[in-house]
Amino acid sequence: MPKIKTNRAAAKRFKRTGTGKLVRAKAFKSHILTKKSRKRKRNLRQSTVVDSISVKSLGRMLPYL
């Protein structure tokens, strides 16, 4: 049986933690930053855990991650 290919776009955007959860970067931090508050921009820097609904589909995209 052939090996499964990793979705390279997903591999660049998600990492697995030590406990096996997937982490992602937050959105809305690329441009139009002048109207966003300092606190909001600071919170957007932190990574967050992927929600439970998306984990199954991401598991198929990232079989070896």
PDB file of N, CA and C in Angstrom:
ATOM      1  N   MET A   1       0.834  -1.184   0.000  1.00  0.00           N
ATOM      2  CA  MET A   1       0.000   0.000   0.000  1.00  0.00           C
ATOM      3  C   MET A   1       0.880   1.250   0.000  1.00  0.00           C
ATOM      4  N   PRO A   2       0.591   2.243  -0.854  1.00  0.00           N
ATOM      5  CA  PRO A   2       1.460   3.421  -0.920  1.00  0.00           C
ATOM      6  C   PRO A   2       1.323   4.306   0.311  1.00  0.00           C
ATOM      7  N   LYS A   3       2.358   5.084   0.499  1.00  0.00           N
ATOM      8  CA  LYS A   3       2.344   6.038   1.606  1.00  0.00           C
ATOM      9  C   LYS A   3       1.364   7.169   1.305  1.00  0.00           C
ATOM     10  N   ILE A   4       0.828   7.787   2.359  1.00  0.00           N
ATOM     11  CA  ILE A   4      -0.094   8.904   2.213  1.00  0.00           C
ATOM     12  C   ILE A   4       0.731  10.190   2.119  1.00  0.00           C
ATOM     13  N   LYS A   5       0.355  11.054   1.186  1.00  0.00           N
ATOM     14  CA  LYS A   5       1.055  12.333   1.056  1.00  0.00           C
ATOM     15  C   LYS A   5       0.527  13.330   2.086  1.00  0.00           C
ATOM     16  N   THR A   6       1.440  14.072   2.678  1.00  0.00           N
ATOM     17  CA  THR A   6       1.086  15.151   3.601  1.00  0.00           C
ATOM     18  C   THR A   6       0.663  16.366   2.786  1.00  0.00           C
ATOM     19  N   ASN A   7      -0.385  17.024   3.201  1.00  0.00           N
ATOM     20  CA  ASN A   7      -0.794  18.286   2.592  1.00  0.00           C
ATOM     21  C   ASN A   7       0.199  19.348   3.048  1.00  0.00           C
ATOM     22  N   ARG A   8       1.015  19.830   2.120  1.00  0.00           N
ATOM     23  CA  ARG A   8       2.114  20.731   2.470  1.00  0.00           C
ATOM     24  C   ARG A   8       1.623  22.095   2.961  1.00  0.00           C
ATOM     25  N   ALA A   9       0.497  22.561   2.427  1.00  0.00           N
ATOM     26  CA  ALA A   9      -0.059  23.843   2.881  1.00  0.00           C
ATOM     27  C   ALA A   9      -0.446  23.757   4.354  1.00  0.00           C
ATOM     28  N   ALA A  10      -1.051  22.644   4.745  1.00  0.00           N
ATOM     29  CA  ALA A  10      -1.443  22.450   6.141  1.00  0.00           C
ATOM     30  C   ALA A  10      -0.218  22.243   7.039  1.00  0.00           C
ATOM     31  N   ALA A  11       0.786  21.549   6.521  1.00  0.00           N
ATOM     32  CA  ALA A  11       1.992  21.271   7.310  1.00  0.00           C
ATOM     33  C   ALA A  11       2.715  22.555   7.709  1.00  0.00           C
ATOM     34  N   LYS A  12       2.626  23.584   6.863  1.00  0.00           N
ATOM     35  CA  LYS A  12       3.271  24.857   7.160  1.00  0.00           C
ATOM     36  C   LYS A  12       2.487  25.686   8.178  1.00  0.00           C
ATOM     37  N   ARG A  13       1.205  25.377   8.352  1.00  0.00           N
ATOM     38  CA  ARG A  13       0.344  26.199   9.202  1.00  0.00           C
ATOM     39  C   ARG A  13       0.051  25.608  10.581  1.00  0.00           C
ATOM     40  N   PHE A  14       0.256  24.317  10.746  1.00  0.00           N
ATOM     41  CA  PHE A  14      -0.097  23.655  12.005  1.00  0.00           C
ATOM     42  C   PHE A  14       1.094  22.900  12.567  1.00  0.00           C
ATOM     43  N   LYS A  15       1.167  22.861  13.905  1.00  0.00           N
ATOM     44  CA  LYS A  15       2.188  22.090  14.604  1.00  0.00           C
ATOM     45  C   LYS A  15       1.499  21.230  15.645  1.00  0.00           C
ATOM     46  N   ARG A  16       2.128  20.119  15.989  1.00  0.00           N
ATOM     47  CA  ARG A  16       1.567  19.267  17.024  1.00  0.00           C
ATOM     48  C   ARG A  16       2.312  19.521  18.332  1.00  0.00           C
ATOM     49  N   THR A  17       1.556  19.591  19.424  1.00  0.00           N
ATOM     50  CA  THR A  17       2.163  19.819  20.740  1.00  0.00           C
ATOM     51  C   THR A  17       2.667  18.494  21.303  1.00  0.00           C
ATOM     52  N   GLY A  18       3.283  18.564  22.448  1.00  0.00           N
ATOM     53  CA  GLY A  18       3.782  17.355  23.102  1.00  0.00           C
ATOM     54  C   GLY A  18       2.677  16.394  23.494  1.00  0.00           C
ATOM     55  N   THR A  19       1.483  16.929  23.772  1.00  0.00           N
ATOM     56  CA  THR A  19       0.361  16.068  24.158  1.00  0.00           C
ATOM     57  C   THR A  19      -0.465  15.596  22.962  1.00  0.00           C
ATOM     58  N   GLY A  20      -0.062  16.031  21.751  1.00  0.00           N
ATOM     59  CA  GLY A  20      -0.751  15.555  20.549  1.00  0.00           C
ATOM     60  C   GLY A  20      -1.813  16.484  19.996  1.00  0.00           C
ATOM     61  N   LYS A  21      -1.997  17.644  20.608  1.00  0.00           N
ATOM     62  CA  LYS A  21      -2.978  18.604  20.097  1.00  0.00           C
ATOM     63  C   LYS A  21      -2.362  19.395  18.942  1.00  0.00           C
ATOM     64  N   LEU A  22      -3.222  19.949  18.093  1.00  0.00           N
ATOM     65  CA  LEU A  22      -2.753  20.781  16.983  1.00  0.00           C
ATOM     66  C   LEU A  22      -2.865  22.252  17.372  1.00  0.00           C
ATOM     67  N   VAL A  23      -1.827  23.014  17.079  1.00  0.00           N
ATOM     68  CA  VAL A  23      -1.853  24.445  17.345  1.00  0.00           C
ATOM     69  C   VAL A  23      -1.760  25.214  16.035  1.00  0.00           C
ATOM     70  N   ARG A  24      -2.356  26.403  16.033  1.00  0.00           N
ATOM     71  CA  ARG A  24      -2.380  27.253  14.842  1.00  0.00           C
ATOM     72  C   ARG A  24      -2.150  28.693  15.256  1.00  0.00           C
ATOM     73  N   ALA A  25      -1.785  29.514  14.279  1.00  0.00           N
ATOM     74  CA  ALA A  25      -1.654  30.952  14.502  1.00  0.00           C
ATOM     75  C   ALA A  25      -3.021  31.595  14.326  1.00  0.00           C
ATOM     76  N   LYS A  26      -3.236  32.715  14.980  1.00  0.00           N
ATOM     77  CA  LYS A  26      -4.512  33.415  14.850  1.00  0.00           C
ATOM     78  C   LYS A  26      -4.537  34.238  13.567  1.00  0.00           C
ATOM     79  N   ALA A  27      -5.732  34.452  13.049  1.00  0.00           N
ATOM     80  CA  ALA A  27      -5.919  35.205  11.811  1.00  0.00           C
ATOM     81  C   ALA A  27      -6.058  36.702  12.106  1.00  0.00           C
ATOM     82  N   PHE A  28      -6.181  37.500  11.072  1.00  0.00           N
ATOM     83  CA  PHE A  28      -6.423  38.954  11.140  1.00  0.00           C
ATOM     84  C   PHE A  28      -5.234  39.729  11.716  1.00  0.00           C
ATOM     85  N   LYS A  29      -4.016  39.303  11.439  1.00  0.00           N
ATOM     86  CA  LYS A  29      -2.828  39.995  11.944  1.00  0.00           C
ATOM     87  C   LYS A  29      -1.900  40.405  10.801  1.00  0.00           C
ATOM     88  N   SER A  30      -2.385  40.428   9.546  1.00  0.00           N
ATOM     89  CA  SER A  30      -1.480  40.693   8.427  1.00  0.00           C
ATOM     90  C   SER A  30      -1.482  42.146   7.962  1.00  0.00           C
ATOM     91  N   HIS A  31      -2.623  42.780   7.896  1.00  0.00           N
ATOM     92  CA  HIS A  31      -2.664  44.169   7.442  1.00  0.00           C
ATOM     93  C   HIS A  31      -3.878  44.865   8.051  1.00  0.00           C
ATOM     94  N   ILE A  32      -4.007  46.152   7.781  1.00  0.00           N
ATOM     95  CA  ILE A  32      -5.030  47.031   8.396  1.00  0.00           C
ATOM     96  C   ILE A  32      -4.928  46.938   9.928  1.00  0.00           C
ATOM     97  N   LEU A  33      -3.727  47.210  10.422  1.00  0.00           N
ATOM     98  CA  LEU A  33      -3.472  47.067  11.854  1.00  0.00           C
ATOM     99  C   LEU A  33      -3.671  48.383  12.619  1.00  0.00           C
ATOM    100  N   THR A  34      -3.821  49.484  11.912  1.00  0.00           N
ATOM    101  CA  THR A  34      -3.907  50.776  12.609  1.00  0.00           C
ATOM    102  C   THR A  34      -5.188  50.906  13.417  1.00  0.00           C
ATOM    103  N   LYS A  35      -6.271  50.342  12.930  1.00  0.00           N
ATOM    104  CA  LYS A  35      -7.546  50.461  13.643  1.00  0.00           C
ATOM    105  C   LYS A  35      -7.716  49.427  14.755  1.00  0.00           C
ATOM    106  N   LYS A  36      -6.825  48.448  14.812  1.00  0.00           N
ATOM    107  CA  LYS A  36      -6.911  47.425  15.853  1.00  0.00           C
ATOM    108  C   LYS A  36      -6.150  47.907  17.080  1.00  0.00           C
ATOM    109  N   SER A  37      -6.705  47.639  18.232  1.00  0.00           N
ATOM    110  CA  SER A  37      -6.089  48.113  19.468  1.00  0.00           C
ATOM    111  C   SER A  37      -4.798  47.345  19.763  1.00  0.00           C
ATOM    112  N   ARG A  38      -3.962  47.946  20.600  1.00  0.00           N
ATOM    113  CA  ARG A  38      -2.696  47.336  20.980  1.00  0.00           C
ATOM    114  C   ARG A  38      -2.936  45.993  21.665  1.00  0.00           C
ATOM    115  N   LYS A  39      -3.940  45.950  22.516  1.00  0.00           N
ATOM    116  CA  LYS A  39      -4.277  44.724  23.238  1.00  0.00           C
ATOM    117  C   LYS A  39      -4.711  43.621  22.274  1.00  0.00           C
ATOM    118  N   ARG A  40      -5.530  43.987  21.289  1.00  0.00           N
ATOM    119  CA  ARG A  40      -6.016  43.013  20.308  1.00  0.00           C
ATOM    120  C   ARG A  40      -4.867  42.448  19.470  1.00  0.00           C
ATOM    121  N   LYS A  41      -3.961  43.309  19.044  1.00  0.00           N
ATOM    122  CA  LYS A  41      -2.811  42.867  18.244  1.00  0.00           C
ATOM    123  C   LYS A  41      -1.887  41.974  19.070  1.00  0.00           C
ATOM    124  N   ARG A  42      -1.727  42.304  20.332  1.00  0.00           N
ATOM    125  CA  ARG A  42      -0.892  41.497  21.228  1.00  0.00           C
ATOM    126  C   ARG A  42      -1.485  40.108  21.405  1.00  0.00           C
ATOM    127  N   ASN A  43      -2.823  40.034  21.546  1.00  0.00           N
ATOM    128  CA  ASN A  43      -3.483  38.742  21.706  1.00  0.00           C
ATOM    129  C   ASN A  43      -3.449  37.916  20.424  1.00  0.00           C
ATOM    130  N   LEU A  44      -3.410  38.575  19.280  1.00  0.00           N
ATOM    131  CA  LEU A  44      -3.347  37.864  18.001  1.00  0.00           C
ATOM    132  C   LEU A  44      -1.989  37.206  17.761  1.00  0.00           C
ATOM    133  N   ARG A  45      -0.954  37.641  18.498  1.00  0.00           N
ATOM    134  CA  ARG A  45       0.371  37.038  18.355  1.00  0.00           C
ATOM    135  C   ARG A  45       0.421  35.610  18.882  1.00  0.00           C
ATOM    136  N   GLN A  46      -0.367  35.331  19.916  1.00  0.00           N
ATOM    137  CA  GLN A  46      -0.316  34.021  20.549  1.00  0.00           C
ATOM    138  C   GLN A  46      -0.962  32.950  19.677  1.00  0.00           C
ATOM    139  N   SER A  47      -0.432  31.743  19.773  1.00  0.00           N
ATOM    140  CA  SER A  47      -1.030  30.622  19.054  1.00  0.00           C
ATOM    141  C   SER A  47      -2.174  30.053  19.891  1.00  0.00           C
ATOM    142  N   THR A  48      -3.036  29.287  19.239  1.00  0.00           N
ATOM    143  CA  THR A  48      -4.192  28.719  19.917  1.00  0.00           C
ATOM    144  C   THR A  48      -4.409  27.288  19.440  1.00  0.00           C
ATOM    145  N   VAL A  49      -5.126  26.515  20.228  1.00  0.00           N
ATOM    146  CA  VAL A  49      -5.388  25.107  19.907  1.00  0.00           C
ATOM    147  C   VAL A  49      -6.502  25.031  18.871  1.00  0.00           C
ATOM    148  N   VAL A  50      -6.368  24.111  17.928  1.00  0.00           N
ATOM    149  CA  VAL A  50      -7.383  23.902  16.892  1.00  0.00           C
ATOM    150  C   VAL A  50      -8.631  23.315  17.528  1.00  0.00           C
ATOM    151  N   ASP A  51      -9.813  23.776  17.089  1.00  0.00           N
ATOM    152  CA  ASP A  51     -11.067  23.287  17.672  1.00  0.00           C
ATOM    153  C   ASP A  51     -11.301  21.826  17.324  1.00  0.00           C
ATOM    154  N   SER A  52     -12.093  21.140  18.148  1.00  0.00           N
ATOM    155  CA  SER A  52     -12.267  19.687  18.053  1.00  0.00           C
ATOM    156  C   SER A  52     -12.920  19.246  16.744  1.00  0.00           C
ATOM    157  N   ILE A  53     -13.721  20.112  16.113  1.00  0.00           N
ATOM    158  CA  ILE A  53     -14.400  19.760  14.865  1.00  0.00           C
ATOM    159  C   ILE A  53     -13.392  19.628  13.721  1.00  0.00           C
ATOM    160  N   SER A  54     -12.387  20.482  13.693  1.00  0.00           N
ATOM    161  CA  SER A  54     -11.410  20.497  12.604  1.00  0.00           C
ATOM    162  C   SER A  54     -10.315  19.447  12.744  1.00  0.00           C
ATOM    163  N   VAL A  55     -10.166  18.858  13.914  1.00  0.00           N
ATOM    164  CA  VAL A  55      -9.056  17.941  14.172  1.00  0.00           C
ATOM    165  C   VAL A  55      -9.105  16.705  13.266  1.00  0.00           C
ATOM    166  N   LYS A  56     -10.282  16.180  13.005  1.00  0.00           N
ATOM    167  CA  LYS A  56     -10.409  14.966  12.195  1.00  0.00           C
ATOM    168  C   LYS A  56      -9.938  15.205  10.764  1.00  0.00           C
ATOM    169  N   SER A  57     -10.395  16.290  10.146  1.00  0.00           N
ATOM    170  CA  SER A  57     -10.000  16.586   8.775  1.00  0.00           C
ATOM    171  C   SER A  57      -8.506  16.934   8.681  1.00  0.00           C
ATOM    172  N   LEU A  58      -7.983  17.630   9.694  1.00  0.00           N
ATOM    173  CA  LEU A  58      -6.564  17.943   9.706  1.00  0.00           C
ATOM    174  C   LEU A  58      -5.714  16.689   9.932  1.00  0.00           C
ATOM    175  N   GLY A  59      -6.237  15.739  10.649  1.00  0.00           N
ATOM    176  CA  GLY A  59      -5.539  14.475  10.849  1.00  0.00           C
ATOM    177  C   GLY A  59      -5.343  13.730   9.551  1.00  0.00           C
ATOM    178  N   ARG A  60      -6.318  13.845   8.645  1.00  0.00           N
ATOM    179  CA  ARG A  60      -6.175  13.231   7.319  1.00  0.00           C
ATOM    180  C   ARG A  60      -5.165  13.979   6.459  1.00  0.00           C
ATOM    181  N   MET A  61      -5.113  15.292   6.616  1.00  0.00           N
ATOM    182  CA  MET A  61      -4.168  16.101   5.844  1.00  0.00           C
ATOM    183  C   MET A  61      -2.734  15.926   6.334  1.00  0.00           C
ATOM    184  N   LEU A  62      -2.580  15.659   7.633  1.00  0.00           N
ATOM    185  CA  LEU A  62      -1.258  15.574   8.262  1.00  0.00           C
ATOM    186  C   LEU A  62      -1.076  14.205   8.906  1.00  0.00           C
ATOM    187  N   PRO A  63      -0.936  13.144   8.109  1.00  0.00           N
ATOM    188  CA  PRO A  63      -0.877  11.806   8.701  1.00  0.00           C
ATOM    189  C   PRO A  63       0.388  11.537   9.515  1.00  0.00           C
ATOM    190  N   TYR A  64       1.491  12.223   9.222  1.00  0.00           N
ATOM    191  CA  TYR A  64       2.763  11.931   9.903  1.00  0.00           C
ATOM    192  C   TYR A  64       3.223  13.058  10.800  1.00  0.00           C
ATOM    193  N   LEU A  65       2.408  14.078  10.991  1.00  0.00           N
ATOM    194  CA  LEU A  65       2.811  15.205  11.820  1.00  0.00           C
ATOM    195  C   LEU A  65       2.538  14.911  13.279  1.00  0.00           C
TER     196      LEU A  65
END
